[in-house]
Amino acid sequence: MGVEGKDRAKVLEAGAAALSSQLGLAVLRLRKSYGLSLADLSTQSGVAKSIISQIERNETNPTLTTIWRLARALDVTIQSMLTGGDDGPFIEHLSRGATPIFVSDDGLCRLAVTGWLKTVDWLQWYDFQADPGGVLESAAHARGSVECLSVMEGELEVDVGGTVDQVRAGETLRYRCDRPHLIRNTSDKPAHATMVNILKAAMID
């Protein structure tokens, strides 16, 4: 038996209210689980902080665009957001052949992209190897960017704007990478390191 007229409208209204409530609870739960403030989620999603707060309190019916932005920022599907369900465990397995590798101009340094390509605009993670004499030159990144170089084997030299420092196995060097910089292996042994670039990390005066 179908539902018509005013009764149908009431059913649809109740369904919309339930869906909105589930969405608000999902946004609140996910935001808390990631340790994000309203301001943090607003920055990451482009949705006003006041709107997010209203969604969490079930005081507004957001547009599809707003839901999409929040789902993207919280790294879940829209379906999961609307149903209030949890996404399953995330596991992404890349074979050696599927891992992108960049080679320096001199052919002596190799950067394997071990980080997630979805974060490349703000976080980059590499496995770095340099043969003796190898030099990796890099252009300046966005202002405030920081590079972290942790050496596992060998020894490397980092030159940032003419300031030079050495980093050995077991040590980590952090430096501004918002200006031209280079990494060189001045030793007679191969070097192996992990490199993490945090782009737009902070405004450094």
Protein backbone atom coordinates (compact mmCIF):
# COMPACT_ATOMS: atom_id res chain seq x y z
CA MET A 1 0.00 0.00 0.00
CA GLY A 2 1.50 3.35 -1.03
CA VAL A 3 1.77 6.51 0.99
CA GLU A 4 0.25 9.57 -0.64
CA GLY A 5 -0.38 13.25 0.00
CA LYS A 6 0.37 14.69 3.42
CA ASP A 7 1.32 11.29 4.80
CA ARG A 8 3.93 10.87 2.09
CA ALA A 9 5.33 14.31 2.82
CA LYS A 10 5.60 13.43 6.51
CA VAL A 11 7.45 10.20 5.70
CA LEU A 12 9.88 12.01 3.42
CA GLU A 13 10.42 14.72 6.02
CA ALA A 14 11.11 12.13 8.71
CA GLY A 15 13.54 10.30 6.44
CA ALA A 16 15.40 13.49 5.64
CA ALA A 17 15.63 14.33 9.35
CA ALA A 18 17.02 10.88 10.15
CA LEU A 19 19.55 11.14 7.34
CA SER A 20 20.64 14.58 8.55
CA SER A 21 21.02 13.28 12.09
CA GLN A 22 23.19 10.37 10.91
CA LEU A 23 25.35 12.75 8.91
CA GLY A 24 25.87 15.04 11.90
CA LEU A 25 26.86 12.15 14.15
CA ALA A 26 29.23 10.78 11.50
CA VAL A 27 30.96 14.14 11.01
CA LEU A 28 31.33 14.63 14.76
CA ARG A 29 32.65 11.10 15.32
CA LEU A 30 35.16 11.27 12.48
CA ARG A 31 36.34 14.76 13.40
CA LYS A 32 36.94 13.67 16.99
CA SER A 33 38.67 10.43 15.95
CA TYR A 34 41.15 12.42 13.85
CA GLY A 35 41.69 14.92 16.68
CA LEU A 36 40.47 17.80 14.52
CA SER A 37 38.96 21.00 15.83
CA LEU A 38 36.12 22.69 13.99
CA ALA A 39 38.65 25.18 12.67
CA ASP A 40 40.92 22.36 11.43
CA LEU A 41 38.11 20.64 9.55
CA SER A 42 36.93 23.97 8.16
CA THR A 43 40.41 24.66 6.77
CA GLN A 44 40.75 21.20 5.25
CA SER A 45 37.27 21.05 3.74
CA GLY A 46 36.58 24.66 2.79
CA VAL A 47 33.28 24.50 4.71
CA ALA A 48 32.63 27.30 7.19
CA LYS A 49 33.18 26.39 10.84
CA SER A 50 29.68 27.59 11.73
CA ILE A 51 28.13 25.31 9.09
CA ILE A 52 30.06 22.28 10.34
CA SER A 53 28.90 23.03 13.88
CA GLN A 54 25.28 23.26 12.70
CA ILE A 55 25.61 19.95 10.82
CA GLU A 56 26.98 18.19 13.89
CA ARG A 57 24.07 19.55 15.97
CA ASN A 58 21.57 18.56 13.26
CA GLU A 59 20.46 22.17 12.80
CA THR A 60 20.83 22.40 9.03
CA ASN A 61 20.42 20.37 5.85
CA PRO A 62 23.74 20.63 3.97
CA THR A 63 24.04 20.64 0.21
CA LEU A 64 25.59 17.73 -1.67
CA THR A 65 28.64 19.89 -2.34
CA THR A 66 29.11 20.47 1.39
CA ILE A 67 28.76 16.74 2.12
CA TRP A 68 31.28 15.94 -0.62
CA ARG A 69 33.81 18.42 0.77
CA LEU A 70 33.48 17.04 4.29
CA ALA A 71 33.73 13.44 3.09
CA ARG A 72 36.88 14.26 1.13
CA ALA A 73 38.48 16.06 4.08
CA LEU A 74 37.63 13.17 6.43
CA ASP A 75 38.79 10.58 3.87
CA VAL A 76 35.53 8.61 3.76
CA THR A 77 32.90 7.91 1.12
CA ILE A 78 29.73 9.98 0.86
CA GLN A 79 27.73 6.79 1.34
CA SER A 80 29.49 6.16 4.64
CA MET A 81 28.84 9.74 5.72
CA LEU A 82 25.12 9.50 4.95
CA THR A 83 24.58 6.09 6.53
CA GLY A 84 26.72 6.82 9.56
CA GLY A 85 28.63 3.59 9.01
CA ASP A 86 32.34 2.98 9.41
CA ASP A 87 34.55 2.43 6.41
CA GLY A 88 36.48 -0.82 6.54
CA PRO A 89 40.21 -1.01 7.24
CA PHE A 90 42.30 0.83 4.67
CA ILE A 91 45.15 -1.21 3.22
CA GLU A 92 46.90 -0.29 -0.01
CA HIS A 93 49.61 -2.69 -1.18
CA LEU A 94 51.98 -1.45 -3.87
CA SER A 95 54.37 -3.84 -5.57
CA ARG A 96 57.96 -2.81 -6.14
CA GLY A 97 57.22 -2.25 -9.81
CA ALA A 98 54.27 0.04 -9.00
CA THR A 99 56.30 2.37 -6.76
CA PRO A 100 57.30 5.52 -8.71
CA ILE A 101 61.05 6.18 -8.74
CA PHE A 102 62.76 9.42 -9.74
CA VAL A 103 66.44 9.59 -10.69
CA SER A 104 68.69 12.64 -10.23
CA ASP A 105 70.23 14.39 -13.22
CA ASP A 106 73.58 12.69 -12.60
CA GLY A 107 71.91 9.29 -12.39
CA LEU A 108 73.45 8.57 -8.98
CA CYS A 109 70.48 9.35 -6.69
CA ARG A 110 67.11 7.61 -6.58
CA LEU A 111 63.89 8.75 -4.92
CA ALA A 112 61.23 6.08 -4.46
CA VAL A 113 57.81 7.59 -3.70
CA THR A 114 56.70 5.64 -0.62
CA GLY A 115 54.20 8.27 0.55
CA TRP A 116 50.54 8.47 -0.42
CA LEU A 117 50.04 10.28 -3.72
CA LYS A 118 46.80 11.83 -2.39
CA THR A 119 48.86 13.89 0.08
CA VAL A 120 51.52 15.02 -2.37
CA ASP A 121 50.35 18.65 -2.22
CA TRP A 122 51.22 18.94 1.46
CA LEU A 123 53.14 15.81 2.53
CA GLN A 124 55.72 13.89 0.51
CA TRP A 125 57.54 10.77 1.72
CA TYR A 126 60.50 9.19 -0.09
CA ASP A 127 63.04 6.43 0.21
CA PHE A 128 66.32 8.08 -0.83
CA GLN A 129 69.48 6.34 -2.03
CA ALA A 130 72.66 7.99 -3.25
CA ASP A 131 75.75 6.40 -4.75
CA PRO A 132 79.16 7.94 -3.93
CA GLY A 133 79.40 11.40 -5.51
CA GLY A 134 75.66 11.57 -6.16
CA VAL A 135 73.94 14.97 -5.99
CA LEU A 136 70.20 15.63 -5.81
CA GLU A 137 69.32 19.26 -6.57
CA SER A 138 65.86 20.58 -5.74
CA ALA A 139 64.08 23.84 -6.47
CA ALA A 140 62.43 25.83 -3.70
CA HIS A 141 59.11 24.53 -2.38
CA ALA A 142 56.28 26.69 -1.00
CA ARG A 143 57.22 29.18 1.72
CA GLY A 144 57.31 27.56 5.15
CA SER A 145 58.07 24.07 3.82
CA VAL A 146 60.34 21.83 5.88
CA GLU A 147 62.30 18.76 4.80
CA CYS A 148 63.29 15.99 7.23
CA LEU A 149 66.18 13.73 6.22
CA SER A 150 66.82 10.64 8.38
CA VAL A 151 69.93 8.70 7.37
CA MET A 152 69.91 4.93 7.86
CA GLU A 153 73.20 4.11 6.15
CA GLY A 154 76.21 6.18 5.13
CA GLU A 155 76.63 9.94 5.33
CA LEU A 156 75.09 12.86 3.44
CA GLU A 157 75.73 16.56 3.10
CA VAL A 158 72.91 19.07 2.82
CA ASP A 159 73.36 22.54 1.32
CA VAL A 160 70.54 25.06 1.85
CA GLY A 161 71.28 28.49 0.40
CA GLY A 162 75.03 28.08 1.01
CA THR A 163 74.64 26.75 4.57
CA VAL A 164 76.08 23.23 4.71
CA ASP A 165 75.58 20.50 7.32
CA GLN A 166 76.45 16.82 7.57
CA VAL A 167 74.11 14.03 8.66
CA ARG A 168 75.25 10.48 9.47
CA ALA A 169 73.56 7.13 10.01
CA GLY A 170 71.13 7.32 12.93
CA GLU A 171 70.80 11.11 12.67
CA THR A 172 68.04 13.36 11.33
CA LEU A 173 68.43 16.77 9.75
CA ARG A 174 65.48 19.17 9.41
CA TYR A 175 65.79 22.27 7.28
CA ARG A 176 63.87 24.81 5.27
CA CYS A 177 63.25 23.67 1.75
CA ASP A 178 61.47 26.81 0.56
CA ARG A 179 64.69 27.83 -1.18
CA PRO A 180 66.98 25.94 -3.58
CA HIS A 181 68.73 23.08 -1.79
CA LEU A 182 70.74 19.99 -2.55
CA ILE A 183 71.79 16.70 -1.00
CA ARG A 184 75.13 15.13 -1.90
CA ASN A 185 77.00 11.99 -0.98
CA THR A 186 80.59 13.10 -0.49
CA SER A 187 81.72 9.74 0.91
CA ASP A 188 83.01 6.68 -0.92
CA LYS A 189 80.07 4.53 0.26
CA PRO A 190 76.41 4.42 -0.73
CA ALA A 191 73.94 6.29 1.47
CA HIS A 192 70.36 5.39 2.32
CA ALA A 193 67.83 7.72 3.97
CA THR A 194 64.17 8.49 4.48
CA MET A 195 63.05 11.92 3.29
CA VAL A 196 59.81 13.62 4.37
CA ASN A 197 58.73 16.96 2.92
CA ILE A 198 56.11 18.89 4.87
CA LEU A 199 54.91 21.51 2.43
CA LYS A 200 53.32 24.75 3.65
CA ALA A 201 54.09 23.57 7.18
CA ALA A 202 54.40 26.99 8.72
CA MET A 203 55.41 30.55 8.01
CA ILE A 204 59.03 30.75 9.15
CA ASP A 205 60.48 34.23 9.61
